[in-house]
Amino acid sequence: MPGIDCFVALFNVNQINEIEKEVIKYGIRGIFYEHYSCDTLIKGIKAILKGDVWLSRNLMKSMFVQHQYNELYTPVKVGHLSFRENQILKLLASGYTNDMISDELCISCHTVKTHLYNLYKKINVCNRLQAVLWVSNNLRSLS
């Protein structure tokens, strides 16, 4: 139906299978392991519905360190990013939510979303996860 966003998440995932990196490239917005509590499930679902991605820190760290999915990105000169965009990228890569970024930088959540929209266009990515992976490929330039 037009105008309705569809988010896909995996539930009751067994960590032993290690399928996470494979399914992320298909647009999965969240991965919930079988040991997660009901509170974690609710928090994660709410985050996904707000446009965030729900992945374990270990998975994000693993993907970050291994520099996965280089083929998704077109190199962009980091100099084309503003000081504020660099700040937001660093916080994003650290796992901050939009609300946390807003609090940290003392700006409105709407302003964070505007910066993210502009960032995504500049670095040629479509979502938060791809932006974090872009940072992993360009980290030296952002330091």
Protein backbone atom coordinates (compact mmCIF):
# COMPACT_ATOMS: atom_id res chain seq x y z
CA MET A 1 0.00 0.00 0.00
CA PRO A 2 1.40 3.41 -0.90
CA GLY A 3 2.57 5.56 1.99
CA ILE A 4 3.15 2.67 4.40
CA ASP A 5 6.69 1.85 5.49
CA CYS A 6 7.55 -1.80 5.89
CA PHE A 7 10.31 -2.82 8.27
CA VAL A 8 11.62 -6.38 8.45
CA ALA A 9 13.21 -7.84 11.57
CA LEU A 10 14.27 -11.34 12.56
CA PHE A 11 13.09 -12.80 15.87
CA ASN A 12 14.33 -15.72 17.99
CA VAL A 13 17.63 -15.83 16.11
CA ASN A 14 20.12 -18.37 17.38
CA GLN A 15 23.52 -16.67 17.66
CA ILE A 16 25.29 -19.92 16.85
CA ASN A 17 24.06 -19.75 13.24
CA GLU A 18 25.92 -16.48 12.58
CA ILE A 19 23.56 -15.46 9.76
CA GLU A 20 23.40 -11.82 10.77
CA LYS A 21 25.96 -10.35 8.38
CA GLU A 22 24.40 -12.20 5.49
CA VAL A 23 20.82 -11.03 6.11
CA ILE A 24 21.68 -7.39 6.82
CA LYS A 25 22.52 -6.75 3.18
CA TYR A 26 18.88 -7.60 2.37
CA GLY A 27 17.57 -4.70 4.42
CA ILE A 28 16.81 -6.38 7.74
CA ARG A 29 16.19 -3.56 10.25
CA GLY A 30 16.53 -5.59 13.44
CA ILE A 31 17.82 -8.85 14.80
CA PHE A 32 16.39 -10.18 18.06
CA TYR A 33 18.09 -13.18 19.66
CA GLU A 34 16.18 -15.98 21.34
CA HIS A 35 17.46 -15.01 24.79
CA TYR A 36 16.18 -11.40 24.63
CA SER A 37 13.68 -10.34 27.27
CA CYS A 38 10.22 -8.97 26.48
CA ASP A 39 11.42 -5.49 27.53
CA THR A 40 14.29 -5.67 25.03
CA LEU A 41 11.91 -6.80 22.28
CA ILE A 42 9.54 -3.90 22.96
CA LYS A 43 12.39 -1.37 23.09
CA GLY A 44 13.85 -2.71 19.84
CA ILE A 45 10.53 -2.74 17.99
CA LYS A 46 9.85 0.85 19.05
CA ALA A 47 13.32 1.86 17.83
CA ILE A 48 12.76 0.21 14.44
CA LEU A 49 9.38 1.91 14.05
CA LYS A 50 11.13 5.26 14.68
CA GLY A 51 13.54 4.50 11.83
CA ASP A 52 16.47 3.14 13.82
CA VAL A 53 18.22 -0.19 13.34
CA TRP A 54 18.31 -2.74 16.18
CA LEU A 55 21.48 -4.83 16.13
CA SER A 56 23.67 -6.15 18.91
CA ARG A 57 26.74 -4.16 19.82
CA ASN A 58 28.89 -7.21 19.09
CA LEU A 59 27.49 -7.45 15.57
CA MET A 60 27.99 -3.74 14.93
CA LYS A 61 31.53 -3.93 16.30
CA SER A 62 32.32 -6.96 14.18
CA MET A 63 31.03 -5.29 11.02
CA PHE A 64 32.79 -2.07 11.90
CA VAL A 65 36.15 -3.74 12.50
CA GLN A 66 36.00 -6.00 9.46
CA HIS A 67 35.12 -3.15 7.07
CA GLN A 68 32.34 -5.17 5.50
CA TYR A 69 30.38 -4.22 2.41
CA ASN A 70 32.87 -1.82 0.80
CA GLU A 71 31.04 -2.28 -2.49
CA LEU A 72 28.02 -0.38 -1.15
CA TYR A 73 29.81 2.93 -0.94
CA THR A 74 31.02 5.53 -3.32
CA PRO A 75 34.07 7.30 -1.90
CA VAL A 76 33.26 10.79 -0.70
CA LYS A 77 35.74 13.38 0.39
CA VAL A 78 35.25 13.81 4.11
CA GLY A 79 36.12 17.48 3.64
CA HIS A 80 32.68 17.92 2.07
CA LEU A 81 31.08 17.19 5.43
CA SER A 82 30.48 19.99 7.90
CA PHE A 83 31.85 19.98 11.42
CA ARG A 84 28.37 19.14 12.78
CA GLU A 85 27.92 16.32 10.26
CA ASN A 86 31.25 14.85 11.37
CA GLN A 87 30.09 15.06 15.00
CA ILE A 88 26.83 13.32 14.19
CA LEU A 89 28.59 10.59 12.21
CA LYS A 90 30.90 9.86 15.13
CA LEU A 91 27.97 9.63 17.54
CA LEU A 92 26.01 7.49 15.09
CA ALA A 93 28.95 5.09 14.81
CA SER A 94 29.08 4.93 18.61
CA GLY A 95 25.52 3.61 18.68
CA TYR A 96 23.71 6.79 19.68
CA THR A 97 20.01 7.08 18.87
CA ASN A 98 18.56 10.29 17.40
CA ASP A 99 17.36 11.31 20.88
CA MET A 100 20.80 10.68 22.37
CA ILE A 101 22.47 12.71 19.60
CA SER A 102 19.97 15.49 20.19
CA ASP A 103 20.78 15.55 23.91
CA GLU A 104 24.54 15.30 23.40
CA LEU A 105 24.70 18.16 20.88
CA CYS A 106 21.93 20.27 22.44
CA ILE A 107 19.91 20.38 19.22
CA SER A 108 16.36 19.31 18.46
CA CYS A 109 15.53 15.82 17.27
CA HIS A 110 14.17 17.40 14.07
CA THR A 111 17.56 19.03 13.47
CA VAL A 112 19.28 15.66 13.96
CA LYS A 113 16.96 14.11 11.37
CA THR A 114 17.72 16.95 8.94
CA HIS A 115 21.47 16.48 9.40
CA LEU A 116 21.10 12.72 8.91
CA TYR A 117 19.06 13.23 5.74
CA ASN A 118 21.76 15.54 4.33
CA LEU A 119 24.53 13.18 5.45
CA TYR A 120 22.91 10.17 3.80
CA LYS A 121 22.73 12.08 0.52
CA LYS A 122 26.34 13.28 0.76
CA ILE A 123 27.85 9.88 1.53
CA ASN A 124 25.46 7.99 -0.76
CA VAL A 125 23.82 5.69 1.80
CA CYS A 126 20.18 4.85 2.50
CA ASN A 127 20.08 4.14 6.21
CA ARG A 128 21.76 4.27 9.58
CA LEU A 129 23.58 0.96 9.26
CA GLN A 130 25.09 1.88 5.91
CA ALA A 131 26.20 5.22 7.39
CA VAL A 132 27.96 3.42 10.24
CA LEU A 133 29.68 1.11 7.78
CA TRP A 134 30.68 4.12 5.68
CA VAL A 135 32.29 5.59 8.79
CA SER A 136 34.25 2.38 9.30
CA ASN A 137 35.66 2.72 5.78
CA ASN A 138 36.54 6.40 6.25
CA LEU A 139 37.34 6.54 9.96
CA ARG A 140 40.88 7.82 9.66
CA SER A 141 39.57 10.90 7.87
CA LEU A 142 37.02 11.63 10.60
CA SER A 143 39.42 11.55 13.55
